[in-house]
Amino acid sequence: MSLQFDICTNLNPNTRGLYPYLLILQHDVVAALATRVVAPLTRATCTVLPIGRLHPTVALAGDTYLVVMHELASVPMTVLGPVQASLKSRRDEMVAALDLLFVGF
C-alpha cells in the first residue's frame, strides 16, 4: 500500500517516459478513494525550468529528478506501481512547495 509522500513508479505508458515516477500528495485519511492526487517527477535534465522551492529535487535510482508541483493530477490507483522511495522526512519541503503553488508564499 502506498502512502502520502511515497514515490511510486508510473505505470501509465502514455506518461511514464516524461514522468517515470509519481509522488503521492493525498493524505492517507482518504485512502478509501479510488484515485490519488500526485505530483509527477521528471529528470532534472528535461525542459522544465526549476523554480526554487516549487520544484524540489530528488535523487532516485542514480538520477536527479524534479517534483513538478504545478503538474498535479488525480490518477487511478492502477497507474501507481511499486513504491521506490519516501519523502516523508521532507514533508515540510513538499508542503512549502504546495503553499507556494496555492497560497503564493
PDB file of N, CA and C in Angstrom:
ATOM      1  N   MET A   1       0.845  -1.185   0.000  1.00  0.00           N
ATOM      2  CA  MET A   1       0.000   0.000   0.000  1.00  0.00           C
ATOM      3  C   MET A   1       0.888   1.246   0.000  1.00  0.00           C
ATOM      4  N   SER A   2       0.608   2.157  -0.880  1.00  0.00           N
ATOM      5  CA  SER A   2       1.368   3.403  -0.950  1.00  0.00           C
ATOM      6  C   SER A   2       0.710   4.457  -0.064  1.00  0.00           C
ATOM      7  N   LEU A   3       1.545   5.306   0.537  1.00  0.00           N
ATOM      8  CA  LEU A   3       1.096   6.309   1.492  1.00  0.00           C
ATOM      9  C   LEU A   3       1.516   7.705   1.054  1.00  0.00           C
ATOM     10  N   GLN A   4       1.016   8.713   1.770  1.00  0.00           N
ATOM     11  CA  GLN A   4       1.379  10.091   1.466  1.00  0.00           C
ATOM     12  C   GLN A   4       2.895  10.254   1.472  1.00  0.00           C
ATOM     13  N   PHE A   5       3.402  10.930   0.476  1.00  0.00           N
ATOM     14  CA  PHE A   5       4.818  11.247   0.239  1.00  0.00           C
ATOM     15  C   PHE A   5       5.642  10.045  -0.244  1.00  0.00           C
ATOM     16  N   ASP A   6       4.979   8.954  -0.600  1.00  0.00           N
ATOM     17  CA  ASP A   6       5.681   7.851  -1.251  1.00  0.00           C
ATOM     18  C   ASP A   6       5.869   8.195  -2.728  1.00  0.00           C
ATOM     19  N   ILE A   7       6.994   7.774  -3.274  1.00  0.00           N
ATOM     20  CA  ILE A   7       7.257   7.906  -4.708  1.00  0.00           C
ATOM     21  C   ILE A   7       7.040   6.540  -5.335  1.00  0.00           C
ATOM     22  N   CYS A   8       6.113   6.480  -6.284  1.00  0.00           N
ATOM     23  CA  CYS A   8       5.777   5.232  -6.960  1.00  0.00           C
ATOM     24  C   CYS A   8       6.199   5.290  -8.423  1.00  0.00           C
ATOM     25  N   THR A   9       6.456   4.140  -8.972  1.00  0.00           N
ATOM     26  CA  THR A   9       6.688   4.027 -10.408  1.00  0.00           C
ATOM     27  C   THR A   9       5.392   4.367 -11.134  1.00  0.00           C
ATOM     28  N   ASN A  10       5.506   5.123 -12.217  1.00  0.00           N
ATOM     29  CA  ASN A  10       4.353   5.481 -13.040  1.00  0.00           C
ATOM     30  C   ASN A  10       4.130   4.361 -14.054  1.00  0.00           C
ATOM     31  N   LEU A  11       3.006   3.673 -13.957  1.00  0.00           N
ATOM     32  CA  LEU A  11       2.702   2.568 -14.872  1.00  0.00           C
ATOM     33  C   LEU A  11       1.934   3.004 -16.117  1.00  0.00           C
ATOM     34  N   ASN A  12       1.600   4.284 -16.226  1.00  0.00           N
ATOM     35  CA  ASN A  12       0.854   4.768 -17.389  1.00  0.00           C
ATOM     36  C   ASN A  12       1.802   4.855 -18.592  1.00  0.00           C
ATOM     37  N   PRO A  13       1.595   4.024 -19.614  1.00  0.00           N
ATOM     38  CA  PRO A  13       2.503   4.019 -20.758  1.00  0.00           C
ATOM     39  C   PRO A  13       2.517   5.332 -21.536  1.00  0.00           C
ATOM     40  N   ASN A  14       1.461   6.132 -21.414  1.00  0.00           N
ATOM     41  CA  ASN A  14       1.385   7.407 -22.137  1.00  0.00           C
ATOM     42  C   ASN A  14       2.203   8.513 -21.493  1.00  0.00           C
ATOM     43  N   THR A  15       2.501   8.409 -20.206  1.00  0.00           N
ATOM     44  CA  THR A  15       3.189   9.492 -19.499  1.00  0.00           C
ATOM     45  C   THR A  15       4.496   9.081 -18.823  1.00  0.00           C
ATOM     46  N   ARG A  16       4.758   7.800 -18.695  1.00  0.00           N
ATOM     47  CA  ARG A  16       5.937   7.384 -17.914  1.00  0.00           C
ATOM     48  C   ARG A  16       7.271   7.722 -18.571  1.00  0.00           C
ATOM     49  N   GLY A  17       7.301   7.996 -19.861  1.00  0.00           N
ATOM     50  CA  GLY A  17       8.549   8.406 -20.493  1.00  0.00           C
ATOM     51  C   GLY A  17       9.036   9.749 -19.945  1.00  0.00           C
ATOM     52  N   LEU A  18       8.135  10.707 -19.832  1.00  0.00           N
ATOM     53  CA  LEU A  18       8.472  12.022 -19.309  1.00  0.00           C
ATOM     54  C   LEU A  18       8.424  12.051 -17.791  1.00  0.00           C
ATOM     55  N   TYR A  19       7.480  11.299 -17.221  1.00  0.00           N
ATOM     56  CA  TYR A  19       7.273  11.274 -15.772  1.00  0.00           C
ATOM     57  C   TYR A  19       7.374   9.833 -15.260  1.00  0.00           C
ATOM     58  N   PRO A  20       8.566   9.325 -15.043  1.00  0.00           N
ATOM     59  CA  PRO A  20       8.720   7.921 -14.643  1.00  0.00           C
ATOM     60  C   PRO A  20       8.248   7.609 -13.222  1.00  0.00           C
ATOM     61  N   TYR A  21       8.110   8.650 -12.394  1.00  0.00           N
ATOM     62  CA  TYR A  21       7.686   8.455 -11.003  1.00  0.00           C
ATOM     63  C   TYR A  21       6.605   9.461 -10.644  1.00  0.00           C
ATOM     64  N   LEU A  22       5.784   9.074  -9.647  1.00  0.00           N
ATOM     65  CA  LEU A  22       4.713   9.935  -9.150  1.00  0.00           C
ATOM     66  C   LEU A  22       4.817  10.021  -7.630  1.00  0.00           C
ATOM     67  N   LEU A  23       4.734  11.242  -7.109  1.00  0.00           N
ATOM     68  CA  LEU A  23       4.760  11.472  -5.671  1.00  0.00           C
ATOM     69  C   LEU A  23       3.328  11.611  -5.175  1.00  0.00           C
ATOM     70  N   ILE A  24       2.936  10.758  -4.258  1.00  0.00           N
ATOM     71  CA  ILE A  24       1.585  10.825  -3.691  1.00  0.00           C
ATOM     72  C   ILE A  24       1.525  11.976  -2.693  1.00  0.00           C
ATOM     73  N   LEU A  25       0.581  12.886  -2.929  1.00  0.00           N
ATOM     74  CA  LEU A  25       0.398  14.033  -2.045  1.00  0.00           C
ATOM     75  C   LEU A  25      -0.844  13.894  -1.177  1.00  0.00           C
ATOM     76  N   GLN A  26      -1.772  13.108  -1.615  1.00  0.00           N
ATOM     77  CA  GLN A  26      -3.041  12.932  -0.914  1.00  0.00           C
ATOM     78  C   GLN A  26      -2.821  12.282   0.441  1.00  0.00           C
ATOM     79  N   HIS A  27      -3.523  12.773   1.450  1.00  0.00           N
ATOM     80  CA  HIS A  27      -3.378  12.240   2.806  1.00  0.00           C
ATOM     81  C   HIS A  27      -4.003  10.848   2.920  1.00  0.00           C
ATOM     82  N   ASP A  28      -3.433  10.039   3.791  1.00  0.00           N
ATOM     83  CA  ASP A  28      -3.882   8.660   3.976  1.00  0.00           C
ATOM     84  C   ASP A  28      -5.296   8.563   4.554  1.00  0.00           C
ATOM     85  N   VAL A  29      -5.791   9.639   5.172  1.00  0.00           N
ATOM     86  CA  VAL A  29      -7.114   9.597   5.780  1.00  0.00           C
ATOM     87  C   VAL A  29      -8.208   9.374   4.726  1.00  0.00           C
ATOM     88  N   VAL A  30      -7.923   9.680   3.465  1.00  0.00           N
ATOM     89  CA  VAL A  30      -8.878   9.441   2.384  1.00  0.00           C
ATOM     90  C   VAL A  30      -8.383   8.329   1.453  1.00  0.00           C
ATOM     91  N   ALA A  31      -7.728   7.346   2.029  1.00  0.00           N
ATOM     92  CA  ALA A  31      -7.163   6.243   1.243  1.00  0.00           C
ATOM     93  C   ALA A  31      -8.231   5.356   0.609  1.00  0.00           C
ATOM     94  N   ALA A  32      -9.483   5.450   1.072  1.00  0.00           N
ATOM     95  CA  ALA A  32     -10.549   4.621   0.506  1.00  0.00           C
ATOM     96  C   ALA A  32     -10.936   5.056  -0.908  1.00  0.00           C
ATOM     97  N   LEU A  33     -10.535   6.257  -1.314  1.00  0.00           N
ATOM     98  CA  LEU A  33     -10.846   6.721  -2.664  1.00  0.00           C
ATOM     99  C   LEU A  33     -10.094   5.895  -3.704  1.00  0.00           C
ATOM    100  N   ALA A  34     -10.639   5.805  -4.891  1.00  0.00           N
ATOM    101  CA  ALA A  34     -10.030   5.001  -5.963  1.00  0.00           C
ATOM    102  C   ALA A  34      -8.937   5.753  -6.716  1.00  0.00           C
ATOM    103  N   THR A  35      -8.709   7.012  -6.347  1.00  0.00           N
ATOM    104  CA  THR A  35      -7.697   7.826  -7.016  1.00  0.00           C
ATOM    105  C   THR A  35      -6.733   8.400  -5.982  1.00  0.00           C
ATOM    106  N   ARG A  36      -5.611   8.932  -6.490  1.00  0.00           N
ATOM    107  CA  ARG A  36      -4.645   9.624  -5.639  1.00  0.00           C
ATOM    108  C   ARG A  36      -4.233  10.916  -6.335  1.00  0.00           C
ATOM    109  N   VAL A  37      -4.084  11.975  -5.552  1.00  0.00           N
ATOM    110  CA  VAL A  37      -3.540  13.227  -6.077  1.00  0.00           C
ATOM    111  C   VAL A  37      -2.031  13.098  -6.010  1.00  0.00           C
ATOM    112  N   VAL A  38      -1.384  13.324  -7.151  1.00  0.00           N
ATOM    113  CA  VAL A  38       0.058  13.125  -7.256  1.00  0.00           C
ATOM    114  C   VAL A  38       0.723  14.311  -7.939  1.00  0.00           C
ATOM    115  N   ALA A  39       2.020  14.412  -7.714  1.00  0.00           N
ATOM    116  CA  ALA A  39       2.873  15.324  -8.484  1.00  0.00           C
ATOM    117  C   ALA A  39       3.860  14.446  -9.235  1.00  0.00           C
ATOM    118  N   PRO A  40       4.017  14.661 -10.522  1.00  0.00           N
ATOM    119  CA  PRO A  40       4.954  13.839 -11.277  1.00  0.00           C
ATOM    120  C   PRO A  40       6.400  14.255 -11.020  1.00  0.00           C
ATOM    121  N   LEU A  41       7.307  13.316 -11.215  1.00  0.00           N
ATOM    122  CA  LEU A  41       8.744  13.579 -11.169  1.00  0.00           C
ATOM    123  C   LEU A  41       9.293  13.440 -12.577  1.00  0.00           C
ATOM    124  N   THR A  42      10.124  14.379 -12.974  1.00  0.00           N
ATOM    125  CA  THR A  42      10.772  14.327 -14.275  1.00  0.00           C
ATOM    126  C   THR A  42      12.273  14.512 -14.077  1.00  0.00           C
ATOM    127  N   ARG A  43      13.058  13.985 -14.989  1.00  0.00           N
ATOM    128  CA  ARG A  43      14.511  14.136 -14.872  1.00  0.00           C
ATOM    129  C   ARG A  43      14.885  15.610 -14.870  1.00  0.00           C
ATOM    130  N   ALA A  44      15.844  15.962 -14.045  1.00  0.00           N
ATOM    131  CA  ALA A  44      16.260  17.362 -13.915  1.00  0.00           C
ATOM    132  C   ALA A  44      16.822  17.901 -15.227  1.00  0.00           C
ATOM    133  N   THR A  45      17.181  17.038 -16.148  1.00  0.00           N
ATOM    134  CA  THR A  45      17.724  17.465 -17.436  1.00  0.00           C
ATOM    135  C   THR A  45      16.629  17.765 -18.456  1.00  0.00           C
ATOM    136  N   CYS A  46      15.355  17.564 -18.095  1.00  0.00           N
ATOM    137  CA  CYS A  46      14.244  17.835 -19.021  1.00  0.00           C
ATOM    138  C   CYS A  46      14.028  19.332 -19.166  1.00  0.00           C
ATOM    139  N   THR A  47      13.046  19.671 -19.941  1.00  0.00           N
ATOM    140  CA  THR A  47      12.838  21.070 -20.308  1.00  0.00           C
ATOM    141  C   THR A  47      12.154  21.921 -19.244  1.00  0.00           C
ATOM    142  N   VAL A  48      11.786  21.343 -18.112  1.00  0.00           N
ATOM    143  CA  VAL A  48      11.154  22.124 -17.050  1.00  0.00           C
ATOM    144  C   VAL A  48      12.205  23.027 -16.422  1.00  0.00           C
ATOM    145  N   LEU A  49      11.944  24.317 -16.406  1.00  0.00           N
ATOM    146  CA  LEU A  49      12.849  25.265 -15.772  1.00  0.00           C
ATOM    147  C   LEU A  49      12.515  25.305 -14.285  1.00  0.00           C
ATOM    148  N   PRO A  50      13.400  24.809 -13.427  1.00  0.00           N
ATOM    149  CA  PRO A  50      13.073  24.746 -11.998  1.00  0.00           C
ATOM    150  C   PRO A  50      12.851  26.133 -11.394  1.00  0.00           C
ATOM    151  N   ILE A  51      11.814  26.219 -10.572  1.00  0.00           N
ATOM    152  CA  ILE A  51      11.500  27.456  -9.869  1.00  0.00           C
ATOM    153  C   ILE A  51      11.673  27.196  -8.378  1.00  0.00           C
ATOM    154  N   GLY A  52      12.861  27.425  -7.884  1.00  0.00           N
ATOM    155  CA  GLY A  52      13.161  27.325  -6.455  1.00  0.00           C
ATOM    156  C   GLY A  52      12.399  26.257  -5.721  1.00  0.00           C
ATOM    157  N   ARG A  53      11.671  26.662  -4.698  1.00  0.00           N
ATOM    158  CA  ARG A  53      11.020  25.670  -3.847  1.00  0.00           C
ATOM    159  C   ARG A  53       9.759  25.080  -4.465  1.00  0.00           C
ATOM    160  N   LEU A  54       9.299  25.578  -5.607  1.00  0.00           N
ATOM    161  CA  LEU A  54       8.150  24.977  -6.285  1.00  0.00           C
ATOM    162  C   LEU A  54       8.502  23.615  -6.879  1.00  0.00           C
ATOM    163  N   HIS A  55       9.779  23.406  -7.187  1.00  0.00           N
ATOM    164  CA  HIS A  55      10.226  22.163  -7.811  1.00  0.00           C
ATOM    165  C   HIS A  55      11.353  21.529  -6.996  1.00  0.00           C
ATOM    166  N   PRO A  56      11.025  20.876  -5.877  1.00  0.00           N
ATOM    167  CA  PRO A  56      12.073  20.215  -5.089  1.00  0.00           C
ATOM    168  C   PRO A  56      12.807  19.170  -5.924  1.00  0.00           C
ATOM    169  N   THR A  57      14.079  18.968  -5.633  1.00  0.00           N
ATOM    170  CA  THR A  57      14.851  17.945  -6.334  1.00  0.00           C
ATOM    171  C   THR A  57      14.936  16.695  -5.475  1.00  0.00           C
ATOM    172  N   VAL A  58      15.019  15.564  -6.168  1.00  0.00           N
ATOM    173  CA  VAL A  58      15.050  14.263  -5.512  1.00  0.00           C
ATOM    174  C   VAL A  58      16.084  13.393  -6.218  1.00  0.00           C
ATOM    175  N   ALA A  59      16.963  12.766  -5.455  1.00  0.00           N
ATOM    176  CA  ALA A  59      17.892  11.775  -6.007  1.00  0.00           C
ATOM    177  C   ALA A  59      17.215  10.413  -5.920  1.00  0.00           C
ATOM    178  N   LEU A  60      17.137   9.734  -7.062  1.00  0.00           N
ATOM    179  CA  LEU A  60      16.448   8.451  -7.112  1.00  0.00           C
ATOM    180  C   LEU A  60      17.030   7.605  -8.239  1.00  0.00           C
ATOM    181  N   ALA A  61      17.361   6.387  -7.924  1.00  0.00           N
ATOM    182  CA  ALA A  61      17.860   5.434  -8.924  1.00  0.00           C
ATOM    183  C   ALA A  61      19.046   5.991  -9.701  1.00  0.00           C
ATOM    184  N   GLY A  62      19.943   6.700  -9.004  1.00  0.00           N
ATOM    185  CA  GLY A  62      21.150   7.216  -9.636  1.00  0.00           C
ATOM    186  C   GLY A  62      20.946   8.425 -10.517  1.00  0.00           C
ATOM    187  N   ASP A  63      19.788   9.055 -10.429  1.00  0.00           N
ATOM    188  CA  ASP A  63      19.483  10.218 -11.256  1.00  0.00           C
ATOM    189  C   ASP A  63      18.875  11.306 -10.375  1.00  0.00           C
ATOM    190  N   THR A  64      18.825  12.530 -10.884  1.00  0.00           N
ATOM    191  CA  THR A  64      18.200  13.633 -10.161  1.00  0.00           C
ATOM    192  C   THR A  64      16.898  13.988 -10.856  1.00  0.00           C
ATOM    193  N   TYR A  65      15.840  14.121 -10.068  1.00  0.00           N
ATOM    194  CA  TYR A  65      14.507  14.412 -10.585  1.00  0.00           C
ATOM    195  C   TYR A  65      13.962  15.682  -9.949  1.00  0.00           C
ATOM    196  N   LEU A  66      13.077  16.345 -10.662  1.00  0.00           N
ATOM    197  CA  LEU A  66      12.324  17.478 -10.135  1.00  0.00           C
ATOM    198  C   LEU A  66      10.922  16.995  -9.812  1.00  0.00           C
ATOM    199  N   VAL A  67      10.406  17.403  -8.654  1.00  0.00           N
ATOM    200  CA  VAL A  67       8.999  17.189  -8.350  1.00  0.00           C
ATOM    201  C   VAL A  67       8.264  18.365  -8.992  1.00  0.00           C
ATOM    202  N   VAL A  68       7.469  18.084  -9.989  1.00  0.00           N
ATOM    203  CA  VAL A  68       6.830  19.124 -10.780  1.00  0.00           C
ATOM    204  C   VAL A  68       5.458  19.444 -10.163  1.00  0.00           C
ATOM    205  N   MET A  69       5.479  20.250  -9.107  1.00  0.00           N
ATOM    206  CA  MET A  69       4.268  20.533  -8.338  1.00  0.00           C
ATOM    207  C   MET A  69       3.173  21.196  -9.167  1.00  0.00           C
ATOM    208  N   HIS A  70       3.526  21.976 -10.172  1.00  0.00           N
ATOM    209  CA  HIS A  70       2.482  22.652 -10.953  1.00  0.00           C
ATOM    210  C   HIS A  70       1.771  21.719 -11.932  1.00  0.00           C
ATOM    211  N   GLU A  71       2.180  20.455 -11.994  1.00  0.00           N
ATOM    212  CA  GLU A  71       1.547  19.470 -12.876  1.00  0.00           C
ATOM    213  C   GLU A  71       0.724  18.456 -12.074  1.00  0.00           C
ATOM    214  N   LEU A  72       0.154  18.878 -10.945  1.00  0.00           N
ATOM    215  CA  LEU A  72      -0.640  17.980 -10.113  1.00  0.00           C
ATOM    216  C   LEU A  72      -1.731  17.297 -10.928  1.00  0.00           C
ATOM    217  N   ALA A  73      -2.039  16.066 -10.528  1.00  0.00           N
ATOM    218  CA  ALA A  73      -3.098  15.325 -11.214  1.00  0.00           C
ATOM    219  C   ALA A  73      -3.728  14.336 -10.240  1.00  0.00           C
ATOM    220  N   SER A  74      -4.947  13.970 -10.551  1.00  0.00           N
ATOM    221  CA  SER A  74      -5.606  12.876  -9.848  1.00  0.00           C
ATOM    222  C   SER A  74      -5.520  11.674 -10.779  1.00  0.00           C
ATOM    223  N   VAL A  75      -4.961  10.587 -10.262  1.00  0.00           N
ATOM    224  CA  VAL A  75      -4.760   9.403 -11.106  1.00  0.00           C
ATOM    225  C   VAL A  75      -5.401   8.186 -10.444  1.00  0.00           C
ATOM    226  N   PRO A  76      -5.841   7.230 -11.254  1.00  0.00           N
ATOM    227  CA  PRO A  76      -6.370   5.997 -10.663  1.00  0.00           C
ATOM    228  C   PRO A  76      -5.247   5.201  -9.991  1.00  0.00           C
ATOM    229  N   MET A  77      -5.604   4.483  -8.969  1.00  0.00           N
ATOM    230  CA  MET A  77      -4.621   3.673  -8.237  1.00  0.00           C
ATOM    231  C   MET A  77      -3.879   2.703  -9.167  1.00  0.00           C
ATOM    232  N   THR A  78      -4.514   2.320 -10.272  1.00  0.00           N
ATOM    233  CA  THR A  78      -3.916   1.338 -11.174  1.00  0.00           C
ATOM    234  C   THR A  78      -2.653   1.834 -11.869  1.00  0.00           C
ATOM    235  N   VAL A  79      -2.406   3.148 -11.888  1.00  0.00           N
ATOM    236  CA  VAL A  79      -1.180   3.647 -12.528  1.00  0.00           C
ATOM    237  C   VAL A  79      -0.029   3.771 -11.536  1.00  0.00           C
ATOM    238  N   LEU A  80      -0.297   3.489 -10.262  1.00  0.00           N
ATOM    239  CA  LEU A  80       0.761   3.564  -9.255  1.00  0.00           C
ATOM    240  C   LEU A  80       1.430   2.207  -9.107  1.00  0.00           C
ATOM    241  N   GLY A  81       2.704   2.166  -9.514  1.00  0.00           N
ATOM    242  CA  GLY A  81       3.470   0.941  -9.393  1.00  0.00           C
ATOM    243  C   GLY A  81       4.111   0.836  -8.023  1.00  0.00           C
ATOM    244  N   PRO A  82       5.143   0.035  -7.920  1.00  0.00           N
ATOM    245  CA  PRO A  82       5.808  -0.173  -6.633  1.00  0.00           C
ATOM    246  C   PRO A  82       6.395   1.118  -6.062  1.00  0.00           C
ATOM    247  N   VAL A  83       6.388   1.193  -4.742  1.00  0.00           N
ATOM    248  CA  VAL A  83       6.996   2.330  -4.049  1.00  0.00           C
ATOM    249  C   VAL A  83       8.512   2.235  -4.192  1.00  0.00           C
ATOM    250  N   GLN A  84       9.122   3.339  -4.639  1.00  0.00           N
ATOM    251  CA  GLN A  84      10.574   3.384  -4.846  1.00  0.00           C
ATOM    252  C   GLN A  84      11.304   4.119  -3.720  1.00  0.00           C
ATOM    253  N   ALA A  85      10.608   5.041  -3.077  1.00  0.00           N
ATOM    254  CA  ALA A  85      11.217   5.840  -2.003  1.00  0.00           C
ATOM    255  C   ALA A  85      10.106   6.582  -1.281  1.00  0.00           C
ATOM    256  N   SER A  86      10.470   7.233  -0.184  1.00  0.00           N
ATOM    257  CA  SER A  86       9.522   8.056   0.555  1.00  0.00           C
ATOM    258  C   SER A  86      10.152   9.416   0.829  1.00  0.00           C
ATOM    259  N   LEU A  87       9.346  10.439   0.711  1.00  0.00           N
ATOM    260  CA  LEU A  87       9.788  11.792   1.051  1.00  0.00           C
ATOM    261  C   LEU A  87       9.123  12.261   2.348  1.00  0.00           C
ATOM    262  N   LYS A  88       8.674  11.323   3.152  1.00  0.00           N
ATOM    263  CA  LYS A  88       8.017  11.672   4.409  1.00  0.00           C
ATOM    264  C   LYS A  88       8.925  12.531   5.291  1.00  0.00           C
ATOM    265  N   SER A  89      10.221  12.262   5.268  1.00  0.00           N
ATOM    266  CA  SER A  89      11.159  13.057   6.068  1.00  0.00           C
ATOM    267  C   SER A  89      11.311  14.477   5.520  1.00  0.00           C
ATOM    268  N   ARG A  90      10.841  14.706   4.293  1.00  0.00           N
ATOM    269  CA  ARG A  90      10.901  16.031   3.664  1.00  0.00           C
ATOM    270  C   ARG A  90       9.516  16.652   3.539  1.00  0.00           C
ATOM    271  N   ARG A  91       8.605  16.234   4.401  1.00  0.00           N
ATOM    272  CA  ARG A  91       7.220  16.700   4.385  1.00  0.00           C
ATOM    273  C   ARG A  91       7.135  18.227   4.356  1.00  0.00           C
ATOM    274  N   ASP A  92       7.872  18.901   5.225  1.00  0.00           N
ATOM    275  CA  ASP A  92       7.804  20.367   5.287  1.00  0.00           C
ATOM    276  C   ASP A  92       8.162  21.011   3.954  1.00  0.00           C
ATOM    277  N   GLU A  93       9.134  20.452   3.277  1.00  0.00           N
ATOM    278  CA  GLU A  93       9.554  20.980   1.973  1.00  0.00           C
ATOM    279  C   GLU A  93       8.468  20.781   0.911  1.00  0.00           C
ATOM    280  N   MET A  94       7.807  19.605   0.942  1.00  0.00           N
ATOM    281  CA  MET A  94       6.743  19.327  -0.028  1.00  0.00           C
ATOM    282  C   MET A  94       5.542  20.235   0.239  1.00  0.00           C
ATOM    283  N   VAL A  95       5.185  20.419   1.504  1.00  0.00           N
ATOM    284  CA  VAL A  95       4.062  21.288   1.854  1.00  0.00           C
ATOM    285  C   VAL A  95       4.389  22.744   1.503  1.00  0.00           C
ATOM    286  N   ALA A  96       5.639  23.159   1.685  1.00  0.00           N
ATOM    287  CA  ALA A  96       6.043  24.525   1.320  1.00  0.00           C
ATOM    288  C   ALA A  96       5.882  24.748  -0.187  1.00  0.00           C
ATOM    289  N   ALA A  97       6.190  23.739  -0.989  1.00  0.00           N
ATOM    290  CA  ALA A  97       6.010  23.858  -2.436  1.00  0.00           C
ATOM    291  C   ALA A  97       4.527  23.995  -2.780  1.00  0.00           C
ATOM    292  N   LEU A  98       3.682  23.233  -2.103  1.00  0.00           N
ATOM    293  CA  LEU A  98       2.241  23.339  -2.333  1.00  0.00           C
ATOM    294  C   LEU A  98       1.705  24.692  -1.859  1.00  0.00           C
ATOM    295  N   ASP A  99       2.229  25.173  -0.751  1.00  0.00           N
ATOM    296  CA  ASP A  99       1.835  26.505  -0.273  1.00  0.00           C
ATOM    297  C   ASP A  99       2.177  27.570  -1.307  1.00  0.00           C
ATOM    298  N   LEU A 100       3.357  27.484  -1.880  1.00  0.00           N
ATOM    299  CA  LEU A 100       3.745  28.454  -2.903  1.00  0.00           C
ATOM    300  C   LEU A 100       2.782  28.388  -4.091  1.00  0.00           C
ATOM    301  N   LEU A 101       2.432  27.181  -4.497  1.00  0.00           N
ATOM    302  CA  LEU A 101       1.536  26.989  -5.643  1.00  0.00           C
ATOM    303  C   LEU A 101       0.136  27.539  -5.374  1.00  0.00           C
ATOM    304  N   PHE A 102      -0.401  27.280  -4.198  1.00  0.00           N
ATOM    305  CA  PHE A 102      -1.795  27.619  -3.920  1.00  0.00           C
ATOM    306  C   PHE A 102      -2.000  28.926  -3.168  1.00  0.00           C
ATOM    307  N   VAL A 103      -1.033  29.304  -2.324  1.00  0.00           N
ATOM    308  CA  VAL A 103      -1.205  30.475  -1.480  1.00  0.00           C
ATOM    309  C   VAL A 103      -0.282  31.619  -1.907  1.00  0.00           C
ATOM    310  N   GLY A 104       0.804  31.272  -2.545  1.00  0.00           N
ATOM    311  CA  GLY A 104       1.709  32.295  -3.037  1.00  0.00           C
ATOM    312  C   GLY A 104       2.844  32.629  -2.092  1.00  0.00           C
ATOM    313  N   PHE A 105       2.979  31.880  -1.023  1.00  0.00           N
ATOM    314  CA  PHE A 105       4.125  32.099  -0.112  1.00  0.00           C
ATOM    315  C   PHE A 105       4.523  30.809   0.536  1.00  0.00           C
TER     316      PHE A 105
END
